[in-house]
Structures are given as structure tokens and as C-alpha cells.
Amino acid sequence: MNQSILFNDDIHFDGSRRRLVFTAMVSGMIVPCVVTVPETEHEPIAHFRNHQFDYEMQAEQRIEDEDYSASGEVELTFL
């Protein structure tokens, strides 16, 4: 795991946009990481906790690849 990328324990679910949001610290900058959640998922936070390591690995790879959206977010694939 890349030690210059630190993941914060700040997961929350944005119900209006149906997405999970957590942040990473990268060289002193806060980078939002987002996962769009399908309508069929009724417990998004529990889902995230069950797959947290996988989401963090996915986010780490996208950050290393500098794969940011136009708004500066890292958009992840729902697992």
C-alpha cells in the first residue's frame, strides 16, 4: 500500500445522489472518493465496510494513475 495516500475514516452516504463518499489525503490534499450505489443496495454503509479494503485499493490505483473527474473526485466502481 502506498504510504503517501492515507484514507480517512469518514464514510458517508449521500442519499440524494445515491453515492458513498470517503476521502483520502494525498500530499496534504483531501481527495473525495465516490462510489455510485445501485437502487438494489439497501445498506450502503454496511456494504462499504464489508468491501472497504477493496475500495481503498481501487482508489489508490486511480489516484496513482491521476484518474480524477473534472470536479477533482476519484470515481470508483461499485463492487
N, C-alpha and C. Protein backbone atom coordinates (compact mmCIF):
# COMPACT_ATOMS: atom_id res chain seq x y z
N MET A 1 0.84 -1.17 0.00
CA MET A 1 0.00 0.00 0.00
C MET A 1 0.89 1.24 0.00
N ASN A 2 0.51 2.20 -0.78
CA ASN A 2 1.25 3.45 -0.91
C ASN A 2 1.09 4.26 0.38
N GLN A 3 2.19 4.55 1.06
CA GLN A 3 2.11 5.25 2.33
C GLN A 3 1.89 6.75 2.17
N SER A 4 2.01 7.28 0.96
CA SER A 4 1.74 8.70 0.77
C SER A 4 0.25 8.97 0.56
N ILE A 5 -0.55 7.92 0.51
CA ILE A 5 -2.01 8.04 0.40
C ILE A 5 -2.60 7.48 1.68
N LEU A 6 -3.30 8.33 2.42
CA LEU A 6 -3.93 7.91 3.67
C LEU A 6 -5.43 8.05 3.53
N PHE A 7 -6.16 7.03 3.94
CA PHE A 7 -7.62 7.06 3.85
C PHE A 7 -8.20 7.44 5.20
N ASN A 8 -9.11 8.40 5.18
CA ASN A 8 -9.76 8.87 6.39
C ASN A 8 -10.96 7.96 6.71
N ASP A 9 -11.34 7.93 7.95
CA ASP A 9 -12.48 7.12 8.38
C ASP A 9 -13.72 8.01 8.43
N ASP A 10 -14.12 8.50 7.26
CA ASP A 10 -15.21 9.48 7.19
C ASP A 10 -16.27 9.10 6.17
N ILE A 11 -16.53 7.82 6.02
CA ILE A 11 -17.51 7.37 5.03
C ILE A 11 -18.90 7.91 5.36
N HIS A 12 -19.59 8.38 4.33
CA HIS A 12 -20.99 8.74 4.49
C HIS A 12 -21.73 8.44 3.18
N PHE A 13 -23.03 8.32 3.31
CA PHE A 13 -23.88 8.04 2.15
C PHE A 13 -24.66 9.29 1.79
N ASP A 14 -24.49 9.75 0.57
CA ASP A 14 -25.22 10.89 0.03
C ASP A 14 -26.46 10.32 -0.65
N GLY A 15 -27.56 10.29 0.10
CA GLY A 15 -28.79 9.67 -0.40
C GLY A 15 -29.40 10.37 -1.59
N SER A 16 -29.25 11.68 -1.69
CA SER A 16 -29.85 12.41 -2.80
C SER A 16 -29.16 12.07 -4.13
N ARG A 17 -27.86 11.74 -4.05
CA ARG A 17 -27.13 11.38 -5.27
C ARG A 17 -26.81 9.88 -5.33
N ARG A 18 -27.27 9.13 -4.32
CA ARG A 18 -27.08 7.67 -4.21
C ARG A 18 -25.60 7.30 -4.38
N ARG A 19 -24.77 7.89 -3.54
CA ARG A 19 -23.36 7.54 -3.63
C ARG A 19 -22.70 7.56 -2.26
N LEU A 20 -21.73 6.68 -2.12
CA LEU A 20 -20.88 6.64 -0.94
C LEU A 20 -19.74 7.62 -1.17
N VAL A 21 -19.35 8.32 -0.13
CA VAL A 21 -18.26 9.29 -0.23
C VAL A 21 -17.31 9.08 0.94
N PHE A 22 -16.02 8.94 0.64
CA PHE A 22 -14.99 8.93 1.66
C PHE A 22 -13.82 9.73 1.10
N THR A 23 -12.86 10.07 1.95
CA THR A 23 -11.77 10.91 1.49
C THR A 23 -10.41 10.25 1.72
N ALA A 24 -9.47 10.70 0.90
CA ALA A 24 -8.07 10.28 1.03
C ALA A 24 -7.23 11.54 1.17
N MET A 25 -6.14 11.42 1.90
CA MET A 25 -5.16 12.50 1.99
C MET A 25 -4.01 12.14 1.07
N VAL A 26 -3.73 13.02 0.11
CA VAL A 26 -2.67 12.80 -0.86
C VAL A 26 -1.79 14.04 -0.88
N SER A 27 -0.58 13.89 -0.39
CA SER A 27 0.36 15.02 -0.34
C SER A 27 -0.26 16.27 0.29
N GLY A 28 -1.02 16.06 1.36
CA GLY A 28 -1.63 17.18 2.08
C GLY A 28 -2.95 17.66 1.53
N MET A 29 -3.40 17.09 0.42
CA MET A 29 -4.67 17.49 -0.19
C MET A 29 -5.73 16.44 0.13
N ILE A 30 -6.96 16.88 0.34
CA ILE A 30 -8.07 15.96 0.55
C ILE A 30 -8.71 15.65 -0.79
N VAL A 31 -8.79 14.36 -1.11
CA VAL A 31 -9.36 13.91 -2.38
C VAL A 31 -10.63 13.12 -2.08
N PRO A 32 -11.80 13.57 -2.55
CA PRO A 32 -13.03 12.81 -2.37
C PRO A 32 -13.03 11.58 -3.27
N CYS A 33 -13.43 10.45 -2.70
CA CYS A 33 -13.58 9.20 -3.45
C CYS A 33 -15.06 8.84 -3.40
N VAL A 34 -15.66 8.58 -4.55
CA VAL A 34 -17.10 8.36 -4.61
C VAL A 34 -17.42 7.05 -5.31
N VAL A 35 -18.50 6.42 -4.81
CA VAL A 35 -19.00 5.16 -5.39
C VAL A 35 -20.49 5.33 -5.59
N THR A 36 -20.96 5.26 -6.82
CA THR A 36 -22.39 5.31 -7.08
C THR A 36 -22.99 3.97 -6.68
N VAL A 37 -24.07 4.03 -5.89
CA VAL A 37 -24.69 2.84 -5.32
C VAL A 37 -25.97 2.52 -6.08
N PRO A 38 -26.14 1.27 -6.53
CA PRO A 38 -27.37 0.92 -7.24
C PRO A 38 -28.58 0.92 -6.29
N GLU A 39 -29.75 1.11 -6.87
CA GLU A 39 -31.00 1.13 -6.10
C GLU A 39 -31.22 -0.15 -5.31
N THR A 40 -30.64 -1.26 -5.75
CA THR A 40 -30.86 -2.54 -5.10
C THR A 40 -30.08 -2.68 -3.79
N GLU A 41 -29.13 -1.81 -3.53
CA GLU A 41 -28.34 -1.87 -2.29
C GLU A 41 -29.06 -1.06 -1.22
N HIS A 42 -29.53 -1.74 -0.18
CA HIS A 42 -30.31 -1.08 0.86
C HIS A 42 -29.49 -0.71 2.09
N GLU A 43 -28.28 -1.21 2.22
CA GLU A 43 -27.42 -0.87 3.35
C GLU A 43 -26.04 -0.47 2.83
N PRO A 44 -25.95 0.70 2.22
CA PRO A 44 -24.70 1.10 1.57
C PRO A 44 -23.49 1.21 2.51
N ILE A 45 -23.68 1.69 3.73
CA ILE A 45 -22.55 1.81 4.66
C ILE A 45 -22.05 0.42 5.04
N ALA A 46 -22.94 -0.49 5.32
CA ALA A 46 -22.54 -1.87 5.65
C ALA A 46 -21.82 -2.50 4.47
N HIS A 47 -22.31 -2.24 3.26
CA HIS A 47 -21.65 -2.76 2.06
C HIS A 47 -20.22 -2.21 1.98
N PHE A 48 -20.06 -0.91 2.21
CA PHE A 48 -18.74 -0.32 2.17
C PHE A 48 -17.82 -0.97 3.20
N ARG A 49 -18.30 -1.12 4.42
CA ARG A 49 -17.47 -1.72 5.48
C ARG A 49 -17.02 -3.13 5.11
N ASN A 50 -17.90 -3.87 4.43
CA ASN A 50 -17.55 -5.23 4.01
C ASN A 50 -16.53 -5.26 2.88
N HIS A 51 -16.41 -4.18 2.12
CA HIS A 51 -15.52 -4.11 0.96
C HIS A 51 -14.53 -2.95 1.06
N GLN A 52 -14.34 -2.42 2.25
CA GLN A 52 -13.53 -1.22 2.44
C GLN A 52 -12.12 -1.35 1.86
N PHE A 53 -11.45 -2.46 2.15
CA PHE A 53 -10.09 -2.65 1.65
C PHE A 53 -10.07 -2.62 0.12
N ASP A 54 -11.04 -3.28 -0.50
CA ASP A 54 -11.10 -3.31 -1.97
C ASP A 54 -11.34 -1.92 -2.55
N TYR A 55 -12.23 -1.14 -1.92
CA TYR A 55 -12.47 0.23 -2.39
C TYR A 55 -11.24 1.09 -2.22
N GLU A 56 -10.53 0.93 -1.10
CA GLU A 56 -9.32 1.71 -0.88
C GLU A 56 -8.23 1.34 -1.88
N MET A 57 -8.11 0.07 -2.22
CA MET A 57 -7.14 -0.35 -3.22
C MET A 57 -7.50 0.23 -4.59
N GLN A 58 -8.78 0.20 -4.93
CA GLN A 58 -9.25 0.76 -6.21
C GLN A 58 -8.96 2.27 -6.25
N ALA A 59 -9.24 2.96 -5.14
CA ALA A 59 -8.99 4.40 -5.07
C ALA A 59 -7.50 4.70 -5.17
N GLU A 60 -6.69 3.91 -4.48
CA GLU A 60 -5.24 4.11 -4.53
C GLU A 60 -4.72 4.01 -5.95
N GLN A 61 -5.19 3.03 -6.69
CA GLN A 61 -4.74 2.86 -8.08
C GLN A 61 -5.16 4.05 -8.94
N ARG A 62 -6.40 4.50 -8.76
CA ARG A 62 -6.88 5.64 -9.56
C ARG A 62 -6.13 6.92 -9.21
N ILE A 63 -5.80 7.09 -7.93
CA ILE A 63 -5.05 8.27 -7.50
C ILE A 63 -3.64 8.22 -8.09
N GLU A 64 -3.01 7.06 -8.01
CA GLU A 64 -1.66 6.91 -8.58
C GLU A 64 -1.66 7.17 -10.08
N ASP A 65 -2.75 6.78 -10.75
CA ASP A 65 -2.88 7.00 -12.20
C ASP A 65 -3.36 8.42 -12.51
N GLU A 66 -3.61 9.21 -11.47
CA GLU A 66 -4.15 10.56 -11.61
C GLU A 66 -5.44 10.58 -12.42
N ASP A 67 -6.30 9.60 -12.14
CA ASP A 67 -7.57 9.42 -12.82
C ASP A 67 -8.67 10.13 -12.03
N TYR A 68 -8.71 11.47 -12.15
CA TYR A 68 -9.67 12.29 -11.43
C TYR A 68 -10.77 12.76 -12.37
N SER A 69 -11.95 12.96 -11.82
CA SER A 69 -13.05 13.53 -12.61
C SER A 69 -12.79 15.02 -12.79
N ALA A 70 -13.62 15.67 -13.58
CA ALA A 70 -13.48 17.11 -13.80
C ALA A 70 -13.66 17.91 -12.51
N SER A 71 -14.39 17.33 -11.54
CA SER A 71 -14.60 18.02 -10.26
C SER A 71 -13.55 17.64 -9.21
N GLY A 72 -12.53 16.86 -9.62
CA GLY A 72 -11.45 16.51 -8.71
C GLY A 72 -11.71 15.30 -7.85
N GLU A 73 -12.76 14.57 -8.14
CA GLU A 73 -13.08 13.36 -7.38
C GLU A 73 -12.48 12.14 -8.05
N VAL A 74 -12.35 11.08 -7.25
CA VAL A 74 -11.96 9.77 -7.78
C VAL A 74 -13.24 8.95 -7.80
N GLU A 75 -13.67 8.57 -9.00
CA GLU A 75 -14.91 7.81 -9.15
C GLU A 75 -14.58 6.33 -9.20
N LEU A 76 -15.19 5.57 -8.28
CA LEU A 76 -14.90 4.14 -8.15
C LEU A 76 -16.05 3.30 -8.66
N THR A 77 -15.75 2.07 -9.01
CA THR A 77 -16.74 1.12 -9.49
C THR A 77 -17.37 0.40 -8.31
N PHE A 78 -18.69 0.29 -8.28
CA PHE A 78 -19.39 -0.44 -7.23
C PHE A 78 -19.01 -1.92 -7.31
N LEU A 79 -18.70 -2.49 -6.17
CA LEU A 79 -18.29 -3.92 -6.14
C LEU A 79 -19.46 -4.79 -5.74
